[in-house]
């Protein structure tokens, strides 16, 4: 899996491959992958077998960026996300 633009040390890239098992009409299984946001990641082939043959499937992609700042009386922790659902070819 590759993506662009790449992030930095404060961000993660996540892909959820959702699918329906045989005879199901709803998305009831998923493969969740999370990587450092450096532009590429690998998914083991054995994790893709069921997803590849499913007739009902969906991909959800998220990028998470976190920043932590120490304050005098505590810590400020900020999380920003960008989510998308690209189309899946049959």
Protein backbone atom coordinates (compact mmCIF):
# COMPACT_ATOMS: atom_id res chain seq x y z
CA UNK A 1 0.00 0.00 0.00
CA UNK A 2 1.36 3.44 -0.88
CA UNK A 3 0.03 6.96 -0.30
CA UNK A 4 1.04 10.57 -0.78
CA UNK A 5 1.71 13.05 0.60
CA UNK A 6 3.53 11.46 3.52
CA UNK A 7 3.19 12.77 7.05
CA UNK A 8 5.77 13.29 9.75
CA UNK A 9 6.79 11.65 13.03
CA UNK A 10 3.59 12.83 14.71
CA UNK A 11 1.18 11.05 12.34
CA UNK A 12 -0.12 7.53 11.69
CA UNK A 13 -1.92 6.12 8.64
CA UNK A 14 -4.69 3.56 9.12
CA UNK A 15 -6.63 1.42 6.66
CA UNK A 16 -9.66 -0.67 7.59
CA UNK A 17 -10.70 -3.30 5.04
CA UNK A 18 -14.29 -4.17 5.95
CA UNK A 19 -16.15 -7.05 4.34
CA UNK A 20 -19.13 -9.37 4.64
CA UNK A 21 -18.55 -13.09 5.08
CA UNK A 22 -20.34 -15.56 2.83
CA UNK A 23 -24.16 -15.34 3.12
CA UNK A 24 -24.00 -12.12 5.17
CA UNK A 25 -25.70 -8.93 4.02
CA UNK A 26 -23.78 -6.67 6.41
CA UNK A 27 -20.11 -5.83 6.88
CA UNK A 28 -19.21 -8.20 9.72
CA UNK A 29 -15.41 -8.69 9.48
CA UNK A 30 -12.41 -6.38 9.04
CA UNK A 31 -8.66 -6.21 8.62
CA UNK A 32 -7.20 -3.19 10.41
CA UNK A 33 -3.73 -1.91 9.47
CA UNK A 34 -1.90 0.98 11.10
CA UNK A 35 1.48 2.35 10.03
CA UNK A 36 3.81 5.25 10.64
CA UNK A 37 2.78 7.89 8.07
CA UNK A 38 5.83 7.44 5.82
CA UNK A 39 4.08 6.69 2.51
CA UNK A 40 4.00 2.88 2.44
CA UNK A 41 2.95 -0.20 4.35
CA UNK A 42 2.50 -3.91 3.76
CA UNK A 43 -0.42 -6.22 4.45
CA UNK A 44 0.33 -9.93 4.74
CA UNK A 45 -1.35 -11.84 1.92
CA UNK A 46 -3.01 -14.35 4.25
CA UNK A 47 -4.95 -11.46 5.84
CA UNK A 48 -6.44 -10.49 2.46
CA UNK A 49 -7.84 -13.85 1.33
CA UNK A 50 -11.40 -13.42 2.65
CA UNK A 51 -11.54 -9.70 1.81
CA UNK A 52 -10.44 -10.34 -1.79
CA UNK A 53 -13.28 -12.79 -2.53
CA UNK A 54 -16.03 -10.92 -0.63
CA UNK A 55 -18.79 -9.42 -2.74
CA UNK A 56 -19.65 -6.76 -0.16
CA UNK A 57 -16.63 -4.73 0.99
CA UNK A 58 -15.53 -1.25 1.96
CA UNK A 59 -12.26 0.57 2.63
CA UNK A 60 -11.94 3.26 5.31
CA UNK A 61 -8.79 5.36 5.54
CA UNK A 62 -7.74 7.60 8.43
CA UNK A 63 -4.71 9.76 9.16
CA UNK A 64 -4.08 10.65 12.78
CA UNK A 65 -1.77 13.43 13.92
CA UNK A 66 -0.99 13.95 17.58
CA UNK A 67 0.77 16.74 19.44
CA UNK A 68 1.55 16.83 23.13
CA UNK A 69 2.59 19.99 25.00
CA UNK A 70 3.55 20.20 28.64
CA UNK A 71 1.89 23.08 30.46
CA UNK A 72 2.63 24.48 33.90
CA UNK A 73 -0.29 22.64 35.51
CA UNK A 74 -0.82 19.76 33.10
CA UNK A 75 -0.48 18.39 29.59
CA UNK A 76 -2.30 19.46 26.43
CA UNK A 77 -2.84 16.54 24.06
CA UNK A 78 -4.25 17.32 20.60
CA UNK A 79 -5.48 14.74 18.08
CA UNK A 80 -6.47 15.64 14.52
CA UNK A 81 -7.91 13.13 12.04
CA UNK A 82 -8.72 13.04 8.36
CA UNK A 83 -11.05 10.24 7.27
CA UNK A 84 -12.13 9.10 3.81
CA UNK A 85 -13.95 6.20 2.17
CA UNK A 86 -12.59 5.60 -1.34
CA UNK A 87 -14.62 3.55 -3.84
CA UNK A 88 -13.84 -0.17 -4.12
CA UNK A 89 -13.75 -1.74 -7.57
CA UNK A 90 -15.78 -4.98 -7.80
